[in-house]
Structures are given as structure tokens and as C-alpha cells.
C-alpha atoms as a PDB file:
ATOM      1  CA  MET A   1       0.000   0.000   0.000  1.00  0.00           C
ATOM      2  CA  PRO A   2       1.584   3.316  -1.023  1.00  0.00           C
ATOM      3  CA  GLN A   3       2.510   5.662   1.789  1.00  0.00           C
ATOM      4  CA  ALA A   4       0.240   8.334   0.301  1.00  0.00           C
ATOM      5  CA  SER A   5      -2.780   6.205   1.223  1.00  0.00           C
ATOM      6  CA  MET A   6      -2.207   7.169   4.873  1.00  0.00           C
ATOM      7  CA  ILE A   7      -2.001  10.898   4.169  1.00  0.00           C
ATOM      8  CA  PRO A   8      -5.291  12.805   4.582  1.00  0.00           C
ATOM      9  CA  GLN A   9      -6.195  14.953   1.575  1.00  0.00           C
ATOM     10  CA  PRO A  10      -7.921  18.336   1.977  1.00  0.00           C
ATOM     11  CA  VAL A  11     -11.368  18.361   0.378  1.00  0.00           C
ATOM     12  CA  ARG A  12     -13.809  21.215   0.071  1.00  0.00           C
ATOM     13  CA  ILE A  13     -17.355  20.973   1.341  1.00  0.00           C
ATOM     14  CA  ARG A  14     -19.842  21.770  -1.428  1.00  0.00           C
ATOM     15  CA  SER A  15     -22.827  21.896   0.926  1.00  0.00           C
ATOM     16  CA  ALA A  16     -23.698  21.074   4.546  1.00  0.00           C
ATOM     17  CA  THR A  17     -27.430  20.744   5.163  1.00  0.00           C
ATOM     18  CA  PRO A  18     -29.130  19.948   8.482  1.00  0.00           C
ATOM     19  CA  HIS A  19     -31.002  16.688   7.961  1.00  0.00           C
ATOM     20  CA  THR A  20     -32.478  15.862  11.376  1.00  0.00           C
ATOM     21  CA  SER A  21     -31.955  17.354  14.823  1.00  0.00           C
ATOM     22  CA  ARG A  22     -28.723  15.352  15.102  1.00  0.00           C
ATOM     23  CA  ASP A  23     -27.579  14.749  11.522  1.00  0.00           C
ATOM     24  CA  VAL A  24     -25.974  16.874   8.819  1.00  0.00           C
ATOM     25  CA  HIS A  25     -25.873  15.883   5.157  1.00  0.00           C
ATOM     26  CA  PHE A  26     -22.562  16.736   3.478  1.00  0.00           C
ATOM     27  CA  VAL A  27     -21.760  16.952  -0.224  1.00  0.00           C
ATOM     28  CA  VAL A  28     -17.968  16.956  -0.521  1.00  0.00           C
ATOM     29  CA  GLU A  29     -15.657  17.405  -3.491  1.00  0.00           C
ATOM     30  CA  ALA A  30     -13.813  14.135  -4.075  1.00  0.00           C
ATOM     31  CA  PRO A  31     -10.011  14.042  -4.091  1.00  0.00           C
ATOM     32  CA  LYS A  32      -8.226  13.088  -7.302  1.00  0.00           C
ATOM     33  CA  GLY A  33      -8.520   9.402  -8.162  1.00  0.00           C
ATOM     34  CA  PHE A  34     -11.257   8.788  -5.579  1.00  0.00           C
ATOM     35  CA  ALA A  35     -13.284   5.807  -6.870  1.00  0.00           C
ATOM     36  CA  PRO A  36     -15.033   3.952  -4.032  1.00  0.00           C
ATOM     37  CA  GLU A  37     -17.465   1.058  -4.255  1.00  0.00           C
ATOM     38  CA  PRO A  38     -20.666   0.628  -2.196  1.00  0.00           C
ATOM     39  CA  GLY A  39     -19.772  -0.675   1.250  1.00  0.00           C
ATOM     40  CA  GLN A  40     -16.400   1.053   1.494  1.00  0.00           C
ATOM     41  CA  PHE A  41     -15.654   3.851   3.959  1.00  0.00           C
ATOM     42  CA  VAL A  42     -13.372   6.857   4.408  1.00  0.00           C
ATOM     43  CA  MET A  43     -11.412   8.248   7.340  1.00  0.00           C
ATOM     44  CA  VAL A  44     -12.384  11.870   7.987  1.00  0.00           C
ATOM     45  CA  SER A  45     -10.315  14.186  10.166  1.00  0.00           C
ATOM     46  CA  LEU A  46      -9.835  17.708  11.442  1.00  0.00           C
ATOM     47  CA  PRO A  47      -6.207  18.605  12.195  1.00  0.00           C
ATOM     48  CA  GLY A  48      -5.463  18.671  15.908  1.00  0.00           C
ATOM     49  CA  ILE A  49      -8.906  17.248  16.762  1.00  0.00           C
ATOM     50  CA  GLY A  50      -9.111  13.650  15.604  1.00  0.00           C
ATOM     51  CA  GLU A  51     -10.169  11.196  12.935  1.00  0.00           C
ATOM     52  CA  ALA A  52     -13.084   8.765  12.520  1.00  0.00           C
ATOM     53  CA  PRO A  53     -14.498   6.402   9.885  1.00  0.00           C
ATOM     54  CA  PHE A  54     -17.613   7.294   7.915  1.00  0.00           C
ATOM     55  CA  SER A  55     -19.665   5.420   5.350  1.00  0.00           C
ATOM     56  CA  LEU A  56     -20.526   6.959   2.006  1.00  0.00           C
ATOM     57  CA  ALA A  57     -24.153   7.920   1.419  1.00  0.00           C
ATOM     58  CA  ALA A  58     -23.540   8.501  -2.295  1.00  0.00           C
ATOM     59  CA  LEU A  59     -20.600   7.860  -4.601  1.00  0.00           C
ATOM     60  CA  PRO A  60     -19.103  10.182  -7.219  1.00  0.00           C
ATOM     61  CA  GLY A  61     -20.916   9.890 -10.535  1.00  0.00           C
ATOM     62  CA  GLU A  62     -23.864   7.899  -9.199  1.00  0.00           C
ATOM     63  CA  GLY A  63     -26.735  10.309  -8.705  1.00  0.00           C
ATOM     64  CA  THR A  64     -24.733  12.872  -6.755  1.00  0.00           C
ATOM     65  CA  SER A  65     -23.146  16.154  -7.795  1.00  0.00           C
ATOM     66  CA  ASP A  66     -20.365  15.810 -10.360  1.00  0.00           C
ATOM     67  CA  GLY A  67     -17.054  14.948  -8.730  1.00  0.00           C
ATOM     68  CA  CYS A  68     -18.564  14.758  -5.241  1.00  0.00           C
ATOM     69  CA  PHE A  69     -19.418  12.144  -2.661  1.00  0.00           C
ATOM     70  CA  GLU A  70     -21.920  12.393   0.189  1.00  0.00           C
ATOM     71  CA  MET A  71     -21.918  11.571   3.905  1.00  0.00           C
ATOM     72  CA  LEU A  72     -24.449  11.805   6.698  1.00  0.00           C
ATOM     73  CA  ILE A  73     -22.704  12.705   9.959  1.00  0.00           C
ATOM     74  CA  ARG A  74     -24.381  12.474  13.338  1.00  0.00           C
ATOM     75  CA  ARG A  75     -23.323  14.555  16.347  1.00  0.00           C
ATOM     76  CA  ILE A  76     -22.153  12.004  18.908  1.00  0.00           C
ATOM     77  CA  GLY A  77     -18.805  13.306  20.170  1.00  0.00           C
ATOM     78  CA  ARG A  78     -16.201  16.055  20.043  1.00  0.00           C
ATOM     79  CA  LEU A  79     -15.051  15.412  16.463  1.00  0.00           C
ATOM     80  CA  THR A  80     -18.530  15.063  14.986  1.00  0.00           C
ATOM     81  CA  ASN A  81     -19.771  18.074  16.958  1.00  0.00           C
ATOM     82  CA  LEU A  82     -17.090  20.164  15.252  1.00  0.00           C
ATOM     83  CA  ILE A  83     -17.531  18.624  11.798  1.00  0.00           C
ATOM     84  CA  THR A  84     -21.284  19.268  11.828  1.00  0.00           C
ATOM     85  CA  ARG A  85     -20.604  22.973  12.443  1.00  0.00           C
ATOM     86  CA  LEU A  86     -18.728  23.279   9.150  1.00  0.00           C
ATOM     87  CA  LYS A  87     -20.280  25.096   6.209  1.00  0.00           C
ATOM     88  CA  ALA A  88     -19.954  25.211   2.433  1.00  0.00           C
ATOM     89  CA  ASP A  89     -16.390  26.049   1.274  1.00  0.00           C
ATOM     90  CA  ASP A  90     -14.835  24.843   4.555  1.00  0.00           C
ATOM     91  CA  LEU A  91     -12.208  22.104   4.369  1.00  0.00           C
ATOM     92  CA  LEU A  92     -12.305  18.547   5.661  1.00  0.00           C
ATOM     93  CA  TYR A  93      -9.484  16.023   5.475  1.00  0.00           C
ATOM     94  CA  VAL A  94     -10.158  12.603   3.980  1.00  0.00           C
ATOM     95  CA  ARG A  95      -8.180   9.469   3.249  1.00  0.00           C
ATOM     96  CA  GLY A  96      -9.382   6.312   1.603  1.00  0.00           C
ATOM     97  CA  PRO A  97     -11.520   4.686   0.408  1.00  0.00           C
ATOM     98  CA  TYR A  98     -10.895   1.662   2.604  1.00  0.00           C
ATOM     99  CA  GLY A  99     -12.534  -1.712   2.931  1.00  0.00           C
ATOM    100  CA  ARG A 100     -12.908  -4.598   0.555  1.00  0.00           C
ATOM    101  CA  ARG A 101     -14.077  -3.821  -2.963  1.00  0.00           C
ATOM    102  CA  VAL A 102     -16.973  -6.216  -3.450  1.00  0.00           C
ATOM    103  CA  GLU A 103     -17.530  -7.257  -7.054  1.00  0.00           C
ATOM    104  CA  TRP A 104     -21.035  -6.057  -7.923  1.00  0.00           C
ATOM    105  CA  GLY A 105     -21.181  -8.207 -11.033  1.00  0.00           C
ATOM    106  CA  GLN A 106     -22.058 -11.189  -8.815  1.00  0.00           C
ATOM    107  CA  PHE A 107     -25.392  -9.537  -7.928  1.00  0.00           C
ATOM    108  CA  GLU A 108     -26.565  -8.901 -11.485  1.00  0.00           C
ATOM    109  CA  GLU A 109     -29.944 -10.389 -12.465  1.00  0.00           C
ATOM    110  CA  GLN A 110     -30.743 -10.842  -8.774  1.00  0.00           C
ATOM    111  CA  ASN A 111     -33.608  -9.374  -6.774  1.00  0.00           C
ATOM    112  CA  LEU A 112     -32.325  -7.045  -4.055  1.00  0.00           C
ATOM    113  CA  VAL A 113     -33.687  -6.712  -0.526  1.00  0.00           C
ATOM    114  CA  LEU A 114     -32.090  -3.952   1.563  1.00  0.00           C
ATOM    115  CA  LEU A 115     -32.864  -3.697   5.278  1.00  0.00           C
ATOM    116  CA  ALA A 116     -31.823  -0.443   6.949  1.00  0.00           C
ATOM    117  CA  GLY A 117     -32.227   0.283  10.640  1.00  0.00           C
ATOM    118  CA  GLY A 118     -31.815   3.880  11.817  1.00  0.00           C
ATOM    119  CA  LEU A 119     -28.581   5.402  10.576  1.00  0.00           C
ATOM    120  CA  GLY A 120     -28.028   2.259   8.483  1.00  0.00           C
ATOM    121  CA  LEU A 121     -29.929   3.871   5.621  1.00  0.00           C
ATOM    122  CA  ALA A 122     -27.002   6.244   5.014  1.00  0.00           C
ATOM    123  CA  PRO A 123     -24.536   3.596   3.739  1.00  0.00           C
ATOM    124  CA  LEU A 124     -27.294   1.552   2.066  1.00  0.00           C
ATOM    125  CA  ARG A 125     -28.311   4.657   0.123  1.00  0.00           C
ATOM    126  CA  SER A 126     -25.216   4.202  -2.044  1.00  0.00           C
ATOM    127  CA  PHE A 127     -26.301   0.597  -2.684  1.00  0.00           C
ATOM    128  CA  VAL A 128     -29.752   1.756  -3.823  1.00  0.00           C
ATOM    129  CA  ARG A 129     -28.277   4.425  -6.075  1.00  0.00           C
ATOM    130  CA  ARG A 130     -25.885   1.899  -7.642  1.00  0.00           C
ATOM    131  CA  ALA A 131     -28.786  -0.441  -8.397  1.00  0.00           C
ATOM    132  CA  LEU A 132     -31.078   2.308  -9.726  1.00  0.00           C
ATOM    133  CA  GLY A 133     -28.307   3.731 -11.890  1.00  0.00           C
ATOM    134  CA  ARG A 134     -28.019   0.298 -13.534  1.00  0.00           C
ATOM    135  CA  ARG A 135     -31.680  -0.625 -13.243  1.00  0.00           C
ATOM    136  CA  ASP A 136     -31.725  -3.095 -16.137  1.00  0.00           C
ATOM    137  CA  GLN A 137     -29.088  -5.248 -14.423  1.00  0.00           C
ATOM    138  CA  PHE A 138     -31.236  -6.145 -11.403  1.00  0.00           C
ATOM    139  CA  GLY A 139     -34.665  -7.581 -10.723  1.00  0.00           C
ATOM    140  CA  ARG A 140     -37.147  -6.455  -8.098  1.00  0.00           C
ATOM    141  CA  ILE A 141     -35.791  -4.061  -5.454  1.00  0.00           C
ATOM    142  CA  ASP A 142     -37.303  -3.926  -1.945  1.00  0.00           C
ATOM    143  CA  LEU A 143     -36.033  -1.355   0.549  1.00  0.00           C
ATOM    144  CA  LEU A 144     -37.124  -2.012   4.145  1.00  0.00           C
ATOM    145  CA  VAL A 145     -36.480   0.893   6.522  1.00  0.00           C
ATOM    146  CA  GLY A 146     -37.003   1.054  10.272  1.00  0.00           C
ATOM    147  CA  ALA A 147     -36.623   4.078  12.554  1.00  0.00           C
ATOM    148  CA  ARG A 148     -37.419   4.954  16.150  1.00  0.00           C
ATOM    149  CA  SER A 149     -39.929   7.610  15.117  1.00  0.00           C
ATOM    150  CA  PRO A 150     -41.113   9.374  11.938  1.00  0.00           C
ATOM    151  CA  ASP A 151     -38.854  12.324  12.803  1.00  0.00           C
ATOM    152  CA  GLU A 152     -35.821  10.033  12.552  1.00  0.00           C
ATOM    153  CA  LEU A 153     -36.579   8.670   9.096  1.00  0.00           C
ATOM    154  CA  LEU A 154     -33.625   9.641   6.905  1.00  0.00           C
ATOM    155  CA  PHE A 155     -33.578  10.784   3.272  1.00  0.00           C
ATOM    156  CA  ARG A 156     -37.344  11.213   3.046  1.00  0.00           C
ATOM    157  CA  THR A 157     -37.137  12.908  -0.346  1.00  0.00           C
ATOM    158  CA  ASP A 158     -35.264   9.917  -1.740  1.00  0.00           C
ATOM    159  CA  LEU A 159     -37.681   7.456  -0.155  1.00  0.00           C
ATOM    160  CA  LEU A 160     -40.649   9.211  -1.769  1.00  0.00           C
ATOM    161  CA  ALA A 161     -38.919   9.383  -5.157  1.00  0.00           C
ATOM    162  CA  TRP A 162     -37.909   5.735  -5.073  1.00  0.00           C
ATOM    163  CA  ALA A 163     -41.412   4.633  -4.049  1.00  0.00           C
ATOM    164  CA  ALA A 164     -42.899   6.595  -6.947  1.00  0.00           C
ATOM    165  CA  ARG A 165     -40.645   5.123  -9.660  1.00  0.00           C
ATOM    166  CA  GLY A 166     -43.010   2.337 -10.667  1.00  0.00           C
ATOM    167  CA  ASP A 167     -40.304   0.069 -12.117  1.00  0.00           C
ATOM    168  CA  ASP A 168     -40.581  -2.733  -9.540  1.00  0.00           C
ATOM    169  CA  VAL A 169     -38.924  -0.687  -6.786  1.00  0.00           C
ATOM    170  CA  HIS A 170     -40.767  -0.992  -3.465  1.00  0.00           C
ATOM    171  CA  VAL A 171     -40.181   1.035  -0.286  1.00  0.00           C
ATOM    172  CA  HIS A 172     -41.477  -0.308   3.043  1.00  0.00           C
ATOM    173  CA  LEU A 173     -41.332   1.849   6.187  1.00  0.00           C
ATOM    174  CA  THR A 174     -41.943   1.214   9.878  1.00  0.00           C
ATOM    175  CA  VAL A 175     -41.302   3.091  13.121  1.00  0.00           C
ATOM    176  CA  ASP A 176     -41.080   1.934  16.724  1.00  0.00           C
ATOM    177  CA  ALA A 177     -43.504   4.587  17.959  1.00  0.00           C
ATOM    178  CA  ALA A 178     -45.379   7.570  16.536  1.00  0.00           C
ATOM    179  CA  ARG A 179     -47.615  10.430  17.561  1.00  0.00           C
ATOM    180  CA  GLU A 180     -50.737  11.516  15.698  1.00  0.00           C
ATOM    181  CA  GLY A 181     -50.207  12.212  12.031  1.00  0.00           C
ATOM    182  CA  TRP A 182     -48.309   9.029  11.174  1.00  0.00           C
ATOM    183  CA  ASP A 183     -50.475   6.675   9.123  1.00  0.00           C
ATOM    184  CA  GLY A 184     -47.702   4.225   8.338  1.00  0.00           C
ATOM    185  CA  ARG A 185     -46.666   0.999   9.949  1.00  0.00           C
ATOM    186  CA  ILE A 186     -45.611   0.704  13.601  1.00  0.00           C
ATOM    187  CA  GLY A 187     -43.399  -2.208  14.593  1.00  0.00           C
ATOM    188  CA  VAL A 188     -39.938  -3.699  14.321  1.00  0.00           C
ATOM    189  CA  ILE A 189     -38.208  -3.909  10.963  1.00  0.00           C
ATOM    190  CA  THR A 190     -38.677  -7.688  10.704  1.00  0.00           C
ATOM    191  CA  SER A 191     -42.437  -7.082  10.521  1.00  0.00           C
ATOM    192  CA  LEU A 192     -41.835  -5.636   7.045  1.00  0.00           C
ATOM    193  CA  LEU A 193     -40.824  -9.133   5.903  1.00  0.00           C
ATOM    194  CA  ASP A 194     -44.313 -10.424   6.698  1.00  0.00           C
ATOM    195  CA  GLY A 195     -46.078 -11.172   3.457  1.00  0.00           C
ATOM    196  CA  LEU A 196     -42.990 -10.379   1.359  1.00  0.00           C
ATOM    197  CA  ALA A 197     -42.549 -13.244  -1.103  1.00  0.00           C
ATOM    198  CA  LEU A 198     -38.861 -13.821  -1.811  1.00  0.00           C
ATOM    199  CA  ASP A 199     -37.478 -15.974  -4.589  1.00  0.00           C
ATOM    200  CA  SER A 200     -34.702 -17.549  -2.537  1.00  0.00           C
ATOM    201  CA  ALA A 201     -32.835 -18.775  -5.618  1.00  0.00           C
ATOM    202  CA  ARG A 202     -32.347 -15.265  -7.000  1.00  0.00           C
ATOM    203  CA  THR A 203     -32.490 -12.842  -4.068  1.00  0.00           C
ATOM    204  CA  VAL A 204     -29.612 -11.031  -2.355  1.00  0.00           C
ATOM    205  CA  ALA A 205     -30.143  -9.198   0.948  1.00  0.00           C
ATOM    206  CA  PHE A 206     -28.067  -6.374   2.441  1.00  0.00           C
ATOM    207  CA  LEU A 207     -28.386  -5.404   6.116  1.00  0.00           C
ATOM    208  CA  CYS A 208     -27.133  -2.306   7.885  1.00  0.00           C
ATOM    209  CA  GLY A 209     -28.176  -1.287  11.379  1.00  0.00           C
ATOM    210  CA  PRO A 210     -27.666  -2.140  15.053  1.00  0.00           C
ATOM    211  CA  PRO A 211     -26.435  -5.656  15.971  1.00  0.00           C
ATOM    212  CA  VAL A 212     -29.744  -6.614  17.599  1.00  0.00           C
ATOM    213  CA  MET A 213     -31.428  -6.011  14.253  1.00  0.00           C
ATOM    214  CA  TYR A 214     -28.980  -8.382  12.553  1.00  0.00           C
ATOM    215  CA  ARG A 215     -29.803 -11.212  14.905  1.00  0.00           C
ATOM    216  CA  HIS A 216     -33.513 -11.130  14.168  1.00  0.00           C
ATOM    217  CA  CYS A 217     -33.264 -10.258  10.464  1.00  0.00           C
ATOM    218  CA  LEU A 218     -30.750 -13.012   9.813  1.00  0.00           C
ATOM    219  CA  ARG A 219     -33.014 -15.568  11.441  1.00  0.00           C
ATOM    220  CA  ARG A 220     -35.983 -14.483   9.331  1.00  0.00           C
ATOM    221  CA  LEU A 221     -34.125 -14.248   6.029  1.00  0.00           C
ATOM    222  CA  LEU A 222     -32.537 -17.681   6.410  1.00  0.00           C
ATOM    223  CA  ALA A 223     -35.891 -19.150   7.417  1.00  0.00           C
ATOM    224  CA  MET A 224     -37.339 -17.644   4.223  1.00  0.00           C
ATOM    225  CA  GLY A 225     -34.826 -19.676   2.249  1.00  0.00           C
ATOM    226  CA  LEU A 226     -32.105 -17.169   1.380  1.00  0.00           C
ATOM    227  CA  TYR A 227     -28.683 -18.703   0.922  1.00  0.00           C
ATOM    228  CA  GLU A 228     -25.985 -17.757   3.420  1.00  0.00           C
ATOM    229  CA  HIS A 229     -23.717 -16.378   0.707  1.00  0.00           C
ATOM    230  CA  ASN A 230     -26.546 -14.093  -0.452  1.00  0.00           C
ATOM    231  CA  VAL A 231     -27.069 -12.371   2.901  1.00  0.00           C
ATOM    232  CA  TRP A 232     -24.613  -9.486   3.349  1.00  0.00           C
ATOM    233  CA  LEU A 233     -23.961  -7.408   6.469  1.00  0.00           C
ATOM    234  CA  THR A 234     -22.172  -4.134   7.009  1.00  0.00           C
ATOM    235  CA  LEU A 235     -20.251  -4.664  10.254  1.00  0.00           C
ATOM    236  CA  GLU A 236     -19.407  -1.644  12.373  1.00  0.00           C
ATOM    237  CA  ARG A 237     -16.090  -1.382  14.170  1.00  0.00           C
ATOM    238  CA  ARG A 238     -13.937   1.492  15.304  1.00  0.00           C
ATOM    239  CA  MET A 239     -11.470   1.756  12.393  1.00  0.00           C
ATOM    240  CA  LYS A 240      -8.175   3.533  12.991  1.00  0.00           C
ATOM    241  CA  CYS A 241      -5.562   2.876  10.300  1.00  0.00           C
ATOM    242  CA  GLY A 242      -7.783   1.420   7.553  1.00  0.00           C
ATOM    243  CA  LEU A 243      -4.954  -0.886   6.460  1.00  0.00           C
ATOM    244  CA  GLY A 244      -5.106  -3.771   8.934  1.00  0.00           C
ATOM    245  CA  LEU A 245      -2.003  -2.598  10.815  1.00  0.00           C
ATOM    246  CA  CYS A 246      -3.234  -1.361  14.186  1.00  0.00           C
ATOM    247  CA  GLY A 247      -5.620  -4.212  15.029  1.00  0.00           C
ATOM    248  CA  ASN A 248      -8.271  -1.866  16.385  1.00  0.00           C
ATOM    249  CA  CYS A 249     -10.980  -3.241  14.074  1.00  0.00           C
ATOM    250  CA  GLN A 250     -10.126  -6.891  14.705  1.00  0.00           C
ATOM    251  CA  MET A 251     -13.111  -9.182  15.183  1.00  0.00           C
ATOM    252  CA  ASP A 252     -12.208 -12.734  16.178  1.00  0.00           C
ATOM    253  CA  GLY A 253      -9.015 -12.506  14.116  1.00  0.00           C
ATOM    254  CA  HIS A 254     -10.589 -10.792  11.099  1.00  0.00           C
ATOM    255  CA  TYR A 255      -9.501  -7.255  10.212  1.00  0.00           C
ATOM    256  CA  LEU A 256     -12.728  -5.573   9.162  1.00  0.00           C
ATOM    257  CA  CYS A 257     -11.051  -2.544   7.602  1.00  0.00           C
ATOM    258  CA  CYS A 258      -9.540  -4.908   5.005  1.00  0.00           C
ATOM    259  CA  GLU A 259     -11.820  -7.964   4.981  1.00  0.00           C
ATOM    260  CA  GLY A 260     -15.034  -5.936   5.395  1.00  0.00           C
ATOM    261  CA  PRO A 261     -16.929  -4.012   6.478  1.00  0.00           C
ATOM    262  CA  LEU A 262     -19.294  -5.564   3.906  1.00  0.00           C
ATOM    263  CA  VAL A 263     -19.259  -9.338   4.431  1.00  0.00           C
ATOM    264  CA  SER A 264     -21.516 -12.268   3.622  1.00  0.00           C
ATOM    265  CA  TRP A 265     -23.079 -14.283   6.415  1.00  0.00           C
ATOM    266  CA  ARG A 266     -21.326 -17.405   5.119  1.00  0.00           C
ATOM    267  CA  GLU A 267     -17.962 -15.709   5.707  1.00  0.00           C
ATOM    268  CA  VAL A 268     -18.630 -14.644   9.306  1.00  0.00           C
ATOM    269  CA  ARG A 269     -21.265 -16.994  10.702  1.00  0.00           C
ATOM    270  CA  GLY A 270     -18.672 -18.603  12.990  1.00  0.00           C
ATOM    271  CA  LEU A 271     -17.515 -15.327  14.545  1.00  0.00           C
ATOM    272  CA  ARG A 272     -18.822 -14.827  18.083  1.00  0.00           C
ATOM    273  CA  GLU A 273     -18.878 -11.028  17.917  1.00  0.00           C
ATOM    274  CA  VAL A 274     -20.954 -10.568  14.767  1.00  0.00           C
ATOM    275  CA  VAL A 275     -24.420 -10.523  16.331  1.00  0.00           C
END
């Protein structure tokens, strides 16, 4: 790995838009040669403050602004509190992309089921955009989204646009609890699988959300007949170097910054820490 891969590159923020009470949606100019795949991540830093890993909510050239990528950053600590105060034309520092480059050709002609819990919709958004940008290469697309409340549903404009496409793209929403005014479904995300007929021989599922969601969704999907190699998870871990050198992301001997974070259930079903 070239030494330059460890050097953060300055990138200019094209826009920073409040998304929810805790989240800010960033459109960022991509550094030269930046060509990530869905499921990869970047390390984002502010000099003298710190660095943290972030998933990509949209990739350059796939439905986003020309030469830009997108991130959704939630205020949860000192670094993210400072990042979410930045505005258009401010600089961030980015290195990457990191993570395994999964060959998307293996999913062609398959039906796609994407299950996103909470903030998990941010990384899965790049998966949806990849599939919609190459719509003729995939079959039916079902996006299942769960949130704590209607106020915490992310990317509502996208959800409405995807649901209105009419080309065998289906959006299913549920929330844990809601006040008056919500006429949608209330319940856990696995309830969205009820009545969903899956062709197990030609369906691939992607999951992103909290570990407790994985446990229950995995059980349901496998019971519905999906093959273990066709169920993919995005595993979260505190990445530090991105190159498998520091060991911070190690999970039962697997270095997720290199061997993940997107992995199939067949690859990790024996790892104690997965779910």
C-alpha cells in the first residue's frame, strides 16, 4: 500500500445541510482518483482534533453532484460536533476509500432486498443508487427501513422518489412509535418481511443497522430460504488505520477494515462477535 494512502487529503465541502436534529448531510468534493465502491468507507479528520471512519451515502458519478461524494454525519462526540458545524467552502481532510471492494457483477440479475435500521440507511443509500443507476441489471428491489420515530426517518425525499418510480422498486417503512399524524406501519423492521414473497434462488439481501437487528433479520431471512452467501452485512467497528495494521478493528481474528466491512453471512457466521 503506497505511503500516500495514509495521508489525509484536503477536500472542500460543497454543501452542509441539516437533515435531522442530530444529523448533517454533506456533499464533498472528491479528491483526485477517488473511486469507491458501495460498502467502502473513508477516514475523515480535522487537524489537531481527531479522525473517525464514515460510510458513504452517495458515490461520485452515481446520482450525486459531479465529482462529489456524500456523507451523513451524526453529532455524537467532540469530532462530529465540530464537523457538523462546518459550512460550504470549509475544508475537511479525507483518506481512503478503505474496505474490501466487493464485485457487484455477482449480484446482477438478482432481486435485491435492503434492510436499513436507523442510521443504516445512510450507507445503504449508495447501494440503492448503484442499483437504480443500472436498473436493467437487477430484478425487483425492496427497501425495508425502520426508525425509532417518523422524525428520525432519513432521506425522506429519496424514499418518496424511489417509491414513486413504478419500475418494480418498493419502499417499506416502519417506526417503533409515533404520535398523531403518522399513518404508516408501527413495529420492528422484521415485521416488514411479513407477506414479502422472496425468490430464494435469485435474491440477495443487504443489512445495515444495530447488531440486535442483525440477529432477528438473519433468522428471518434464512428461514425464508435465502442462501448464506446471499445475505450481506455491514459490520461496524472502530477503524483507525484502515490498512489492517493497528488491530483496532479486529473481530475474532478478522480485520474488518480490510476484509469488510461488507461481508456475507457465510464468511462470518462462525464469529462470536458478529451478532
